[in-house]
Amino acid sequence: MDHSASAPRREKAIISWLGITQMQYRNPILMLWWSAAFPGFGHILINQYWRGTLFTLVEVILNSLANINAAMVYSFSGRADMAKQLLNLHWAYGYLIFYLYTIWDTYKKAREFNVHHELADLENARIKNFLITPGDIHILERRNPVFASFWSFMLPGLGQLYNNRVMLGVYAVFWWFIYCRLSHILTSCYALFEQGVVQSTQLLSAQWLLFMPSVLWGAVYHSYLNALENNSLFKYEQKQFLAERYTGSSVFILEKTRGDEIAGSGTV
């Protein structure tokens, strides 16, 4: 018996030990912007987690070797000569090529995935909503986007853990502590109250500090968006289940707002 004929060609979502990975529409321009803000973030937002993680590592390494962030601070403060002296041109060239590639690749893949997202919706392959592994239990269920974004704001990575993206959450928490340590931001905040603004700012490392705003708001945005999409996928799977369970009966599922409420509550 040939099982390939019944196998879905495009799945809308899967649940694995890494969490829930799903096809969703993405604005290619917005994804391009996030890649420009921090290379790798755009790929994470289009659910290419392995590639996105690799690109964030390459961003930190090449940026640090070329002293990009520190040179930007001197350039923006009107000290162009110091910026030129600090910038390592050998690494800066490689960084420029890498930076442009990540932006282009994110934009291209966002457009491609949007097409496959529409095709996956048309195929309507059955979504699995429950997975038990030796190390964890993964359930497709509702998440509160406000809680997700709040915890990411308090500590980047916690919102991802709340959304059950465990590996991504651990990765984000680990690197946030690295950024805090190497930028001396916590020591600087303490010195701000003890010694004043001038002494506090002198403790900061501009090279590592400039990573932090993009990481913080990128984590907040990703966790908020991911929670919303998990909720949408939860309703989608509920509709699939109810349509399959009550096929041929007099019960029907409304397609409008009321239908979403019925599917989300699991009642008919």
C-alpha atoms as a PDB file:
ATOM      1  CA  MET A   1       0.000   0.000   0.000  1.00  0.00           C
ATOM      2  CA  ASP A   2       1.367   3.398  -0.991  1.00  0.00           C
ATOM      3  CA  HIS A   3       1.222   5.754   1.984  1.00  0.00           C
ATOM      4  CA  SER A   4       2.828   8.657   0.110  1.00  0.00           C
ATOM      5  CA  ALA A   5      -0.482   9.491  -1.530  1.00  0.00           C
ATOM      6  CA  SER A   6      -2.149  10.159   1.830  1.00  0.00           C
ATOM      7  CA  ALA A   7       0.812  12.001   3.348  1.00  0.00           C
ATOM      8  CA  PRO A   8       0.362  15.797   3.361  1.00  0.00           C
ATOM      9  CA  ARG A   9       2.538  17.669   0.919  1.00  0.00           C
ATOM     10  CA  ARG A  10       2.637  20.793   3.080  1.00  0.00           C
ATOM     11  CA  GLU A  11       1.997  20.820   6.795  1.00  0.00           C
ATOM     12  CA  LYS A  12       0.808  24.022   8.415  1.00  0.00           C
ATOM     13  CA  ALA A  13       2.439  23.207  11.758  1.00  0.00           C
ATOM     14  CA  ILE A  14       4.292  20.480  13.633  1.00  0.00           C
ATOM     15  CA  ILE A  15       4.988  19.842  17.313  1.00  0.00           C
ATOM     16  CA  SER A  16       8.438  18.510  18.196  1.00  0.00           C
ATOM     17  CA  TRP A  17      10.707  18.455  21.246  1.00  0.00           C
ATOM     18  CA  LEU A  18      11.823  21.945  20.213  1.00  0.00           C
ATOM     19  CA  GLY A  19       8.278  23.327  20.421  1.00  0.00           C
ATOM     20  CA  ILE A  20       5.656  24.348  17.865  1.00  0.00           C
ATOM     21  CA  THR A  21       6.865  25.333  14.410  1.00  0.00           C
ATOM     22  CA  GLN A  22       4.265  26.701  12.027  1.00  0.00           C
ATOM     23  CA  MET A  23       3.763  28.367   8.667  1.00  0.00           C
ATOM     24  CA  GLN A  24       2.408  31.891   9.112  1.00  0.00           C
ATOM     25  CA  TYR A  25       2.152  34.969   6.940  1.00  0.00           C
ATOM     26  CA  ARG A  26       5.019  37.429   7.372  1.00  0.00           C
ATOM     27  CA  ASN A  27       5.416  40.952   6.033  1.00  0.00           C
ATOM     28  CA  PRO A  28       8.665  40.698   4.032  1.00  0.00           C
ATOM     29  CA  ILE A  29       9.521  44.372   4.642  1.00  0.00           C
ATOM     30  CA  LEU A  30       9.106  43.964   8.404  1.00  0.00           C
ATOM     31  CA  MET A  31      11.248  40.821   8.378  1.00  0.00           C
ATOM     32  CA  LEU A  32      13.870  42.713   6.375  1.00  0.00           C
ATOM     33  CA  TRP A  33      13.850  45.442   9.032  1.00  0.00           C
ATOM     34  CA  TRP A  34      14.369  42.966  11.863  1.00  0.00           C
ATOM     35  CA  SER A  35      17.318  41.431  10.014  1.00  0.00           C
ATOM     36  CA  ALA A  36      18.777  44.906   9.629  1.00  0.00           C
ATOM     37  CA  ALA A  37      18.273  45.556  13.355  1.00  0.00           C
ATOM     38  CA  PHE A  38      20.019  42.316  14.315  1.00  0.00           C
ATOM     39  CA  PRO A  39      21.062  39.751  11.693  1.00  0.00           C
ATOM     40  CA  GLY A  40      19.364  36.443  12.441  1.00  0.00           C
ATOM     41  CA  PHE A  41      16.246  37.902  14.047  1.00  0.00           C
ATOM     42  CA  GLY A  42      14.385  37.951  10.750  1.00  0.00           C
ATOM     43  CA  HIS A  43      15.085  34.265  10.251  1.00  0.00           C
ATOM     44  CA  ILE A  44      13.908  33.425  13.768  1.00  0.00           C
ATOM     45  CA  LEU A  45      10.683  35.324  13.090  1.00  0.00           C
ATOM     46  CA  ILE A  46      10.029  33.274   9.947  1.00  0.00           C
ATOM     47  CA  ASN A  47      10.593  30.131  12.044  1.00  0.00           C
ATOM     48  CA  GLN A  48      14.010  29.248  10.646  1.00  0.00           C
ATOM     49  CA  TYR A  49      15.372  28.779  14.138  1.00  0.00           C
ATOM     50  CA  TRP A  50      18.608  26.936  13.363  1.00  0.00           C
ATOM     51  CA  ARG A  51      19.658  29.392  10.680  1.00  0.00           C
ATOM     52  CA  GLY A  52      18.572  32.373  12.780  1.00  0.00           C
ATOM     53  CA  THR A  53      20.546  31.154  15.796  1.00  0.00           C
ATOM     54  CA  LEU A  54      23.648  30.612  13.664  1.00  0.00           C
ATOM     55  CA  PHE A  55      23.335  34.086  12.133  1.00  0.00           C
ATOM     56  CA  THR A  56      22.997  35.769  15.537  1.00  0.00           C
ATOM     57  CA  LEU A  57      26.224  34.071  16.623  1.00  0.00           C
ATOM     58  CA  VAL A  58      28.009  35.187  13.454  1.00  0.00           C
ATOM     59  CA  GLU A  59      26.678  38.729  13.996  1.00  0.00           C
ATOM     60  CA  VAL A  60      28.147  38.933  17.495  1.00  0.00           C
ATOM     61  CA  ILE A  61      31.493  37.449  16.439  1.00  0.00           C
ATOM     62  CA  LEU A  62      32.051  39.537  13.292  1.00  0.00           C
ATOM     63  CA  ASN A  63      30.686  42.727  14.849  1.00  0.00           C
ATOM     64  CA  SER A  64      33.033  42.344  17.814  1.00  0.00           C
ATOM     65  CA  LEU A  65      36.078  41.518  15.675  1.00  0.00           C
ATOM     66  CA  ALA A  66      35.434  44.536  13.452  1.00  0.00           C
ATOM     67  CA  ASN A  67      34.475  46.824  16.390  1.00  0.00           C
ATOM     68  CA  ILE A  68      31.368  47.916  14.482  1.00  0.00           C
ATOM     69  CA  ASN A  69      29.278  49.026  17.465  1.00  0.00           C
ATOM     70  CA  ALA A  70      32.064  50.967  19.156  1.00  0.00           C
ATOM     71  CA  ALA A  71      32.951  52.691  15.878  1.00  0.00           C
ATOM     72  CA  MET A  72      29.290  53.630  15.407  1.00  0.00           C
ATOM     73  CA  VAL A  73      29.215  55.332  18.815  1.00  0.00           C
ATOM     74  CA  TYR A  74      32.271  57.446  17.983  1.00  0.00           C
ATOM     75  CA  SER A  75      30.856  58.242  14.529  1.00  0.00           C
ATOM     76  CA  PHE A  76      27.466  59.347  15.900  1.00  0.00           C
ATOM     77  CA  SER A  77      29.145  61.515  18.525  1.00  0.00           C
ATOM     78  CA  GLY A  78      31.134  63.394  15.867  1.00  0.00           C
ATOM     79  CA  ARG A  79      34.499  61.695  16.474  1.00  0.00           C
ATOM     80  CA  ALA A  80      34.969  60.193  13.030  1.00  0.00           C
ATOM     81  CA  ASP A  81      38.763  59.976  13.323  1.00  0.00           C
ATOM     82  CA  MET A  82      38.540  57.777  16.404  1.00  0.00           C
ATOM     83  CA  ALA A  83      35.921  55.634  14.672  1.00  0.00           C
ATOM     84  CA  LYS A  84      38.272  55.068  11.727  1.00  0.00           C
ATOM     85  CA  GLN A  85      41.130  54.117  14.031  1.00  0.00           C
ATOM     86  CA  LEU A  86      38.989  51.676  15.962  1.00  0.00           C
ATOM     87  CA  LEU A  87      37.360  49.985  12.965  1.00  0.00           C
ATOM     88  CA  ASN A  88      39.066  46.804  11.769  1.00  0.00           C
ATOM     89  CA  LEU A  89      38.635  46.970   8.000  1.00  0.00           C
ATOM     90  CA  HIS A  90      39.631  43.345   7.388  1.00  0.00           C
ATOM     91  CA  TRP A  91      36.717  42.082   9.455  1.00  0.00           C
ATOM     92  CA  ALA A  92      34.425  44.975   8.521  1.00  0.00           C
ATOM     93  CA  TYR A  93      34.397  43.886   4.881  1.00  0.00           C
ATOM     94  CA  GLY A  94      33.305  40.356   5.808  1.00  0.00           C
ATOM     95  CA  TYR A  95      30.712  41.777   8.179  1.00  0.00           C
ATOM     96  CA  LEU A  96      29.246  43.992   5.445  1.00  0.00           C
ATOM     97  CA  ILE A  97      28.805  41.040   3.063  1.00  0.00           C
ATOM     98  CA  PHE A  98      27.246  38.927   5.810  1.00  0.00           C
ATOM     99  CA  TYR A  99      24.938  41.787   6.888  1.00  0.00           C
ATOM    100  CA  LEU A 100      23.614  42.373   3.368  1.00  0.00           C
ATOM    101  CA  TYR A 101      23.153  38.650   2.758  1.00  0.00           C
ATOM    102  CA  THR A 102      21.018  38.110   5.872  1.00  0.00           C
ATOM    103  CA  ILE A 103      18.739  41.014   4.891  1.00  0.00           C
ATOM    104  CA  TRP A 104      18.331  39.709   1.337  1.00  0.00           C
ATOM    105  CA  ASP A 105      17.826  36.102   2.443  1.00  0.00           C
ATOM    106  CA  THR A 106      15.182  37.041   5.021  1.00  0.00           C
ATOM    107  CA  TYR A 107      13.185  39.077   2.505  1.00  0.00           C
ATOM    108  CA  LYS A 108      13.367  36.337  -0.141  1.00  0.00           C
ATOM    109  CA  LYS A 109      12.371  33.527   2.223  1.00  0.00           C
ATOM    110  CA  ALA A 110       9.538  35.541   3.784  1.00  0.00           C
ATOM    111  CA  ARG A 111       7.967  35.932   0.339  1.00  0.00           C
ATOM    112  CA  GLU A 112       8.476  32.243  -0.459  1.00  0.00           C
ATOM    113  CA  PHE A 113       7.023  31.081   2.853  1.00  0.00           C
ATOM    114  CA  ASN A 114       3.955  33.282   2.400  1.00  0.00           C
ATOM    115  CA  VAL A 115       3.117  31.336  -0.755  1.00  0.00           C
ATOM    116  CA  HIS A 116       3.597  27.990   1.013  1.00  0.00           C
ATOM    117  CA  HIS A 117       1.515  29.257   3.937  1.00  0.00           C
ATOM    118  CA  GLU A 118      -1.447  29.851   1.607  1.00  0.00           C
ATOM    119  CA  LEU A 119      -0.978  26.442  -0.021  1.00  0.00           C
ATOM    120  CA  ALA A 120      -0.794  24.743   3.385  1.00  0.00           C
ATOM    121  CA  ASP A 121      -4.080  26.426   4.340  1.00  0.00           C
ATOM    122  CA  LEU A 122      -5.688  25.056   1.185  1.00  0.00           C
ATOM    123  CA  GLU A 123      -4.364  21.556   1.837  1.00  0.00           C
ATOM    124  CA  ASN A 124      -5.623  21.712   5.437  1.00  0.00           C
ATOM    125  CA  ALA A 125      -3.458  18.841   6.691  1.00  0.00           C
ATOM    126  CA  ARG A 126      -4.429  17.566  10.136  1.00  0.00           C
ATOM    127  CA  ILE A 127      -2.451  19.210  12.942  1.00  0.00           C
ATOM    128  CA  LYS A 128      -1.135  17.210  15.881  1.00  0.00           C
ATOM    129  CA  ASN A 129      -1.863  19.012  19.146  1.00  0.00           C
ATOM    130  CA  PHE A 130      -0.096  16.870  21.731  1.00  0.00           C
ATOM    131  CA  LEU A 131       3.400  15.406  22.114  1.00  0.00           C
ATOM    132  CA  ILE A 132       5.120  13.642  24.992  1.00  0.00           C
ATOM    133  CA  THR A 133       8.895  13.208  24.863  1.00  0.00           C
ATOM    134  CA  PRO A 134      11.255  11.748  27.486  1.00  0.00           C
ATOM    135  CA  GLY A 135      12.191  15.277  28.550  1.00  0.00           C
ATOM    136  CA  ASP A 136       9.027  17.346  28.175  1.00  0.00           C
ATOM    137  CA  ILE A 137       5.330  17.561  27.360  1.00  0.00           C
ATOM    138  CA  HIS A 138       4.231  19.824  24.496  1.00  0.00           C
ATOM    139  CA  ILE A 139       0.580  20.827  24.186  1.00  0.00           C
ATOM    140  CA  LEU A 140      -1.006  23.145  21.664  1.00  0.00           C
ATOM    141  CA  GLU A 141      -2.942  25.491  23.944  1.00  0.00           C
ATOM    142  CA  ARG A 142      -3.782  29.135  24.457  1.00  0.00           C
ATOM    143  CA  ARG A 143      -1.071  31.563  25.579  1.00  0.00           C
ATOM    144  CA  ASN A 144      -1.450  35.108  26.889  1.00  0.00           C
ATOM    145  CA  PRO A 145       0.518  37.461  24.577  1.00  0.00           C
ATOM    146  CA  VAL A 146       0.757  40.108  27.315  1.00  0.00           C
ATOM    147  CA  PHE A 147       2.348  37.659  29.733  1.00  0.00           C
ATOM    148  CA  ALA A 148       4.726  36.451  27.023  1.00  0.00           C
ATOM    149  CA  SER A 149       5.901  39.961  26.145  1.00  0.00           C
ATOM    150  CA  PHE A 150       6.081  41.001  29.828  1.00  0.00           C
ATOM    151  CA  TRP A 151       8.394  38.154  30.768  1.00  0.00           C
ATOM    152  CA  SER A 152      10.559  38.779  27.703  1.00  0.00           C
ATOM    153  CA  PHE A 153      10.856  42.410  28.754  1.00  0.00           C
ATOM    154  CA  MET A 154      11.881  41.416  32.272  1.00  0.00           C
ATOM    155  CA  LEU A 155      14.447  38.924  30.973  1.00  0.00           C
ATOM    156  CA  PRO A 156      14.765  38.091  27.257  1.00  0.00           C
ATOM    157  CA  GLY A 157      14.143  34.382  26.799  1.00  0.00           C
ATOM    158  CA  LEU A 158      11.518  33.948  29.509  1.00  0.00           C
ATOM    159  CA  GLY A 159       8.728  34.778  27.052  1.00  0.00           C
ATOM    160  CA  GLN A 160      10.071  32.093  24.728  1.00  0.00           C
ATOM    161  CA  LEU A 161      10.103  29.605  27.622  1.00  0.00           C
ATOM    162  CA  TYR A 162       6.506  30.597  28.385  1.00  0.00           C
ATOM    163  CA  ASN A 163       5.620  29.796  24.755  1.00  0.00           C
ATOM    164  CA  ASN A 164       7.410  26.438  25.108  1.00  0.00           C
ATOM    165  CA  ARG A 165      10.307  27.332  22.795  1.00  0.00           C
ATOM    166  CA  VAL A 166      12.721  25.868  25.325  1.00  0.00           C
ATOM    167  CA  MET A 167      16.010  25.849  23.417  1.00  0.00           C
ATOM    168  CA  LEU A 168      15.474  29.354  22.045  1.00  0.00           C
ATOM    169  CA  GLY A 169      14.551  30.605  25.508  1.00  0.00           C
ATOM    170  CA  VAL A 170      17.653  29.115  27.147  1.00  0.00           C
ATOM    171  CA  TYR A 171      19.816  30.517  24.330  1.00  0.00           C
ATOM    172  CA  ALA A 172      18.348  34.008  24.787  1.00  0.00           C
ATOM    173  CA  VAL A 173      18.703  33.994  28.585  1.00  0.00           C
ATOM    174  CA  PHE A 174      22.313  32.804  28.344  1.00  0.00           C
ATOM    175  CA  TRP A 175      23.310  35.520  25.900  1.00  0.00           C
ATOM    176  CA  TRP A 176      21.464  38.232  27.804  1.00  0.00           C
ATOM    177  CA  PHE A 177      23.637  37.552  30.840  1.00  0.00           C
ATOM    178  CA  ILE A 178      26.715  37.643  28.559  1.00  0.00           C
ATOM    179  CA  TYR A 179      25.640  41.052  27.236  1.00  0.00           C
ATOM    180  CA  CYS A 180      24.995  42.344  30.761  1.00  0.00           C
ATOM    181  CA  ARG A 181      28.391  41.131  31.974  1.00  0.00           C
ATOM    182  CA  LEU A 182      30.486  42.417  29.073  1.00  0.00           C
ATOM    183  CA  SER A 183      28.638  45.750  28.737  1.00  0.00           C
ATOM    184  CA  HIS A 184      28.900  46.365  32.535  1.00  0.00           C
ATOM    185  CA  ILE A 185      25.356  47.730  32.471  1.00  0.00           C
ATOM    186  CA  LEU A 186      24.438  46.429  35.918  1.00  0.00           C
ATOM    187  CA  THR A 187      27.603  47.869  37.467  1.00  0.00           C
ATOM    188  CA  SER A 188      26.905  51.131  35.657  1.00  0.00           C
ATOM    189  CA  CYS A 189      23.341  51.286  36.997  1.00  0.00           C
ATOM    190  CA  TYR A 190      24.647  50.807  40.527  1.00  0.00           C
ATOM    191  CA  ALA A 191      27.299  53.507  40.010  1.00  0.00           C
ATOM    192  CA  LEU A 192      24.631  55.876  38.687  1.00  0.00           C
ATOM    193  CA  PHE A 193      23.092  56.141  42.159  1.00  0.00           C
ATOM    194  CA  GLU A 194      26.389  56.073  44.024  1.00  0.00           C
ATOM    195  CA  GLN A 195      28.754  58.177  41.897  1.00  0.00           C
ATOM    196  CA  GLY A 196      26.688  60.060  39.300  1.00  0.00           C
ATOM    197  CA  VAL A 197      26.128  60.056  35.556  1.00  0.00           C
ATOM    198  CA  VAL A 198      29.691  60.742  34.394  1.00  0.00           C
ATOM    199  CA  GLN A 199      31.287  57.910  36.349  1.00  0.00           C
ATOM    200  CA  SER A 200      28.426  55.602  35.434  1.00  0.00           C
ATOM    201  CA  THR A 201      28.748  56.103  31.678  1.00  0.00           C
ATOM    202  CA  GLN A 202      32.514  55.626  31.821  1.00  0.00           C
ATOM    203  CA  LEU A 203      31.993  52.064  33.014  1.00  0.00           C
ATOM    204  CA  LEU A 204      29.899  51.092  29.999  1.00  0.00           C
ATOM    205  CA  SER A 205      31.259  49.140  27.044  1.00  0.00           C
ATOM    206  CA  ALA A 206      29.627  50.615  23.940  1.00  0.00           C
ATOM    207  CA  GLN A 207      30.590  47.601  21.824  1.00  0.00           C
ATOM    208  CA  TRP A 208      28.435  45.242  23.907  1.00  0.00           C
ATOM    209  CA  LEU A 209      25.821  47.731  25.069  1.00  0.00           C
ATOM    210  CA  LEU A 210      24.577  48.406  21.528  1.00  0.00           C
ATOM    211  CA  PHE A 211      23.554  44.765  21.122  1.00  0.00           C
ATOM    212  CA  MET A 212      21.091  44.965  23.987  1.00  0.00           C
ATOM    213  CA  PRO A 213      18.222  47.187  22.679  1.00  0.00           C
ATOM    214  CA  SER A 214      17.751  45.045  19.561  1.00  0.00           C
ATOM    215  CA  VAL A 215      17.906  41.827  21.589  1.00  0.00           C
ATOM    216  CA  LEU A 216      15.435  43.102  24.202  1.00  0.00           C
ATOM    217  CA  TRP A 217      12.778  44.388  21.811  1.00  0.00           C
ATOM    218  CA  GLY A 218      13.328  41.515  19.401  1.00  0.00           C
ATOM    219  CA  ALA A 219      12.610  39.044  22.204  1.00  0.00           C
ATOM    220  CA  VAL A 220       9.523  40.998  23.278  1.00  0.00           C
ATOM    221  CA  TYR A 221       8.159  41.162  19.732  1.00  0.00           C
ATOM    222  CA  HIS A 222       8.861  37.495  18.994  1.00  0.00           C
ATOM    223  CA  SER A 223       7.238  36.218  22.188  1.00  0.00           C
ATOM    224  CA  TYR A 224       4.157  38.400  21.679  1.00  0.00           C
ATOM    225  CA  LEU A 225       3.771  37.353  18.033  1.00  0.00           C
ATOM    226  CA  ASN A 226       4.422  33.703  18.813  1.00  0.00           C
ATOM    227  CA  ALA A 227       1.733  33.661  21.513  1.00  0.00           C
ATOM    228  CA  LEU A 228      -0.815  35.217  19.153  1.00  0.00           C
ATOM    229  CA  GLU A 229      -0.030  32.666  16.468  1.00  0.00           C
ATOM    230  CA  ASN A 230      -0.225  29.763  18.899  1.00  0.00           C
ATOM    231  CA  ASN A 231      -3.716  30.963  19.830  1.00  0.00           C
ATOM    232  CA  SER A 232      -4.676  31.189  16.159  1.00  0.00           C
ATOM    233  CA  LEU A 233      -3.292  27.696  15.531  1.00  0.00           C
ATOM    234  CA  PHE A 234      -5.203  26.383  18.550  1.00  0.00           C
ATOM    235  CA  LYS A 235      -8.480  27.618  17.025  1.00  0.00           C
ATOM    236  CA  TYR A 236      -7.498  26.230  13.630  1.00  0.00           C
ATOM    237  CA  GLU A 237      -6.843  22.761  15.097  1.00  0.00           C
ATOM    238  CA  GLN A 238     -10.096  22.863  17.064  1.00  0.00           C
ATOM    239  CA  LYS A 239     -12.020  23.593  13.852  1.00  0.00           C
ATOM    240  CA  GLN A 240     -10.299  20.667  12.161  1.00  0.00           C
ATOM    241  CA  PHE A 241     -11.202  18.358  15.038  1.00  0.00           C
ATOM    242  CA  LEU A 242     -14.845  19.447  15.199  1.00  0.00           C
ATOM    243  CA  ALA A 243     -15.293  19.266  11.417  1.00  0.00           C
ATOM    244  CA  GLU A 244     -13.794  15.759  11.400  1.00  0.00           C
ATOM    245  CA  ARG A 245     -15.743  14.593  14.463  1.00  0.00           C
ATOM    246  CA  TYR A 246     -19.138  15.843  13.326  1.00  0.00           C
ATOM    247  CA  THR A 247     -18.931  15.260   9.574  1.00  0.00           C
ATOM    248  CA  GLY A 248     -22.336  14.185   8.266  1.00  0.00           C
ATOM    249  CA  SER A 249     -24.215  15.340  11.369  1.00  0.00           C
ATOM    250  CA  SER A 250     -26.581  18.267  11.743  1.00  0.00           C
ATOM    251  CA  VAL A 251     -23.970  20.167  13.785  1.00  0.00           C
ATOM    252  CA  PHE A 252     -22.091  22.828  11.839  1.00  0.00           C
ATOM    253  CA  ILE A 253     -19.211  25.169  12.632  1.00  0.00           C
ATOM    254  CA  LEU A 254     -19.631  28.880  12.045  1.00  0.00           C
ATOM    255  CA  GLU A 255     -16.785  30.489  10.132  1.00  0.00           C
ATOM    256  CA  LYS A 256     -17.067  33.995  11.565  1.00  0.00           C
ATOM    257  CA  THR A 257     -16.113  35.392  14.952  1.00  0.00           C
ATOM    258  CA  ARG A 258     -18.627  33.207  16.763  1.00  0.00           C
ATOM    259  CA  GLY A 259     -17.084  30.177  15.097  1.00  0.00           C
ATOM    260  CA  ASP A 260     -13.665  31.113  16.490  1.00  0.00           C
ATOM    261  CA  GLU A 261     -15.161  31.374  19.971  1.00  0.00           C
ATOM    262  CA  ILE A 262     -16.832  27.975  19.651  1.00  0.00           C
ATOM    263  CA  ALA A 263     -13.671  26.329  18.334  1.00  0.00           C
ATOM    264  CA  GLY A 264     -11.529  27.963  21.010  1.00  0.00           C
ATOM    265  CA  SER A 265     -13.722  26.793  23.855  1.00  0.00           C
ATOM    266  CA  GLY A 266     -14.057  23.267  22.497  1.00  0.00           C
ATOM    267  CA  THR A 267     -17.861  23.348  22.788  1.00  0.00           C
ATOM    268  CA  VAL A 268     -20.551  22.980  20.184  1.00  0.00           C
END
